[in-house]
Amino acid sequence: MGPKEAGLLYVRKERIAQVWPNIVSVGWNQDAFATTVASKKFELLGQRDDACLSAVGTAADFHAILGSENVEARTTELATALKEGLAKINRVKLVTPMDPKMSGGVVVAQVPDLDRAKTSALVNDLYEKYGVAGAATGGVRLAPHVYNTMVGIEQAIRGMRELLG
């Protein structure tokens, strides 16, 4: 779909309860679990990011140009470097297996002496001070992908090392 084309979703009434929206927002509530009224379940989008939605097709085309094998190889290369670097930091316990077949591009590292709030603060500091985005999900969750650089991986490792002293 191009940026000026609109999409229409049609769901048979008897299937509404089995189909779930990928975006929910203000107004979406428990009624959606049993509703057979599509508007109660699929039209509560709040402040939607239309530009992002419009870019999905372009991103898919770019992925096809790069090739799945190349995307996987680069993501594996970056994630492996990240895991190896984080594993060398004394306070860090790597949760993600080193074997790329067991982890893909998601890397989770825990700092056992940090509680949930301090882990969240660490993730926030990693972003604010080093420009490295992550999530405090099961530890410090970082997910390098094809659009990241090795310089970015090195920045994440340096940031973790410096923040943990």
Protein backbone atom coordinates (compact mmCIF):
# COMPACT_ATOMS: atom_id res chain seq x y z
CA MET A 1 0.00 0.00 0.00
CA GLY A 2 1.32 3.44 -0.89
CA PRO A 3 1.11 6.45 1.42
CA LYS A 4 -2.11 7.72 -0.18
CA GLU A 5 -3.89 4.38 -0.22
CA ALA A 6 -6.20 3.41 2.59
CA GLY A 7 -6.60 -0.07 3.96
CA LEU A 8 -9.80 -1.77 4.99
CA LEU A 9 -10.02 -4.63 7.41
CA TYR A 10 -12.96 -6.98 7.11
CA VAL A 11 -13.47 -9.65 9.76
CA ARG A 12 -16.45 -12.01 9.70
CA LYS A 13 -18.61 -11.42 12.76
CA GLU A 14 -18.14 -14.99 14.04
CA ARG A 15 -14.33 -14.54 13.89
CA ILE A 16 -14.02 -11.17 15.68
CA ALA A 17 -13.39 -12.79 19.07
CA GLN A 18 -10.46 -14.77 17.61
CA VAL A 19 -8.66 -11.88 15.86
CA TRP A 20 -6.57 -9.42 17.86
CA PRO A 21 -5.42 -5.90 16.98
CA ASN A 22 -1.70 -5.20 16.88
CA ILE A 23 -2.27 -1.68 18.22
CA VAL A 24 -4.47 -0.80 21.18
CA SER A 25 -4.92 2.51 22.93
CA VAL A 26 -7.22 4.59 25.10
CA GLY A 27 -10.70 3.13 25.27
CA TRP A 28 -9.67 -0.47 24.62
CA ASN A 29 -10.86 -2.50 27.58
CA GLN A 30 -12.17 -5.85 28.84
CA ASP A 31 -15.20 -5.60 26.54
CA ALA A 32 -12.89 -6.44 23.64
CA PHE A 33 -12.37 -9.98 24.90
CA ALA A 34 -15.93 -11.05 24.11
CA THR A 35 -17.22 -8.43 21.69
CA THR A 36 -18.68 -9.23 18.32
CA VAL A 37 -18.67 -5.51 17.44
CA ALA A 38 -15.56 -4.85 15.38
CA SER A 39 -15.35 -1.15 16.20
CA LYS A 40 -14.96 -1.92 19.92
CA LYS A 41 -11.95 -4.07 19.20
CA PHE A 42 -10.17 -2.72 16.12
CA GLU A 43 -10.84 1.02 15.87
CA LEU A 44 -9.44 2.33 19.16
CA LEU A 45 -6.06 3.41 17.91
CA GLY A 46 -5.46 6.60 19.89
CA GLN A 47 -2.49 8.61 18.63
CA ARG A 48 -1.44 6.33 15.81
CA ASP A 49 1.92 6.72 14.04
CA ASP A 50 0.69 6.72 10.42
CA ALA A 51 4.14 7.53 9.03
CA CYS A 52 5.55 4.43 10.70
CA LEU A 53 2.73 2.29 9.36
CA SER A 54 3.28 3.70 5.88
CA ALA A 55 6.97 2.80 6.06
CA VAL A 56 6.34 -0.92 6.65
CA GLY A 57 6.15 -1.68 2.93
CA THR A 58 9.38 0.20 2.22
CA ALA A 59 11.09 -1.62 5.08
CA ALA A 60 9.92 -4.98 3.72
CA ASP A 61 11.22 -4.05 0.26
CA PHE A 62 14.59 -3.04 1.74
CA HIS A 63 14.75 -6.32 3.66
CA ALA A 64 14.10 -8.23 0.43
CA ILE A 65 16.89 -6.30 -1.35
CA LEU A 66 19.35 -7.10 1.43
CA GLY A 67 18.28 -10.73 1.55
CA SER A 68 17.21 -12.67 4.62
CA GLU A 69 20.52 -14.55 4.79
CA ASN A 70 22.50 -11.29 4.88
CA VAL A 71 20.20 -9.77 7.51
CA GLU A 72 20.55 -12.89 9.68
CA ALA A 73 24.34 -13.03 9.24
CA ARG A 74 24.80 -9.36 10.16
CA THR A 75 22.43 -9.56 13.13
CA THR A 76 24.25 -12.66 14.37
CA GLU A 77 27.62 -10.95 13.96
CA LEU A 78 26.50 -7.92 15.97
CA ALA A 79 24.75 -9.95 18.68
CA THR A 80 27.77 -12.25 19.07
CA ALA A 81 30.11 -9.27 19.52
CA LEU A 82 27.69 -7.78 22.06
CA LYS A 83 27.43 -11.04 24.03
CA GLU A 84 31.19 -11.51 24.04
CA GLY A 85 31.76 -7.94 25.22
CA LEU A 86 29.12 -8.03 27.95
CA ALA A 87 30.37 -11.41 29.21
CA LYS A 88 33.73 -9.78 30.00
CA ILE A 89 32.15 -7.28 32.43
CA ASN A 90 32.54 -8.60 36.00
CA ARG A 91 29.10 -7.74 37.38
CA VAL A 92 27.24 -8.91 34.28
CA LYS A 93 25.63 -12.34 33.99
CA LEU A 94 24.77 -13.15 30.42
CA VAL A 95 21.33 -14.78 30.23
CA THR A 96 21.32 -15.23 26.47
CA PRO A 97 23.16 -18.33 25.25
CA MET A 98 26.34 -17.68 23.27
CA ASP A 99 25.16 -20.08 20.55
CA PRO A 100 23.47 -17.85 17.92
CA LYS A 101 21.04 -20.64 17.06
CA MET A 102 19.66 -20.29 20.58
CA SER A 103 19.37 -16.51 20.67
CA GLY A 104 19.06 -14.70 17.36
CA GLY A 105 19.54 -10.97 17.80
CA VAL A 106 18.18 -10.61 21.31
CA VAL A 107 20.73 -10.23 24.10
CA VAL A 108 19.71 -10.20 27.77
CA ALA A 109 22.23 -9.57 30.51
CA GLN A 110 21.51 -9.37 34.21
CA VAL A 111 23.34 -7.55 36.95
CA PRO A 112 22.47 -9.76 39.94
CA ASP A 113 23.10 -7.06 42.56
CA LEU A 114 20.64 -4.64 40.91
CA ASP A 115 16.93 -4.80 41.69
CA ARG A 116 14.28 -4.07 39.08
CA ALA A 117 14.23 -0.31 39.70
CA LYS A 118 18.02 -0.03 39.47
CA THR A 119 18.05 -2.14 36.33
CA SER A 120 15.49 0.26 34.80
CA ALA A 121 17.69 3.19 35.85
CA LEU A 122 20.69 1.48 34.23
CA VAL A 123 18.78 1.04 30.95
CA ASN A 124 17.69 4.69 31.11
CA ASP A 125 21.28 5.85 31.75
CA LEU A 126 22.53 3.68 28.90
CA TYR A 127 20.16 5.58 26.61
CA GLU A 128 20.61 9.07 28.07
CA LYS A 129 24.40 8.96 28.37
CA TYR A 130 25.42 6.62 25.56
CA GLY A 131 22.54 6.72 23.06
CA VAL A 132 21.94 2.97 23.39
CA ALA A 133 18.28 1.96 23.53
CA GLY A 134 17.28 -1.14 25.45
CA ALA A 135 14.63 -2.42 27.80
CA ALA A 136 14.65 -3.60 31.39
CA THR A 137 12.97 -6.89 30.55
CA GLY A 138 14.45 -9.86 32.39
CA GLY A 139 17.60 -7.78 32.86
CA VAL A 140 19.11 -5.39 30.35
CA ARG A 141 17.64 -6.37 26.98
CA LEU A 142 19.44 -5.18 23.88
CA ALA A 143 18.50 -6.24 20.37
CA PRO A 144 21.02 -5.35 17.67
CA HIS A 145 19.81 -5.64 14.10
CA VAL A 146 21.02 -5.08 10.58
CA TYR A 147 20.70 -1.28 10.87
CA ASN A 148 23.13 -1.13 13.83
CA THR A 149 26.89 -0.76 13.48
CA MET A 150 29.81 -2.37 15.26
CA VAL A 151 30.58 1.10 16.64
CA GLY A 152 27.13 1.03 18.26
CA ILE A 153 27.86 -2.39 19.77
CA GLU A 154 31.16 -1.10 21.17
CA GLN A 155 29.29 1.92 22.58
CA ALA A 156 26.80 -0.38 24.35
CA ILE A 157 29.60 -2.46 25.87
CA ARG A 158 31.55 0.64 26.94
CA GLY A 159 28.40 2.19 28.40
CA MET A 160 27.58 -0.91 30.45
CA ARG A 161 31.18 -1.18 31.67
CA GLU A 162 31.37 2.48 32.68
CA LEU A 163 27.92 2.61 34.27
CA LEU A 164 28.61 -0.48 36.34
CA GLY A 165 31.99 0.86 37.46
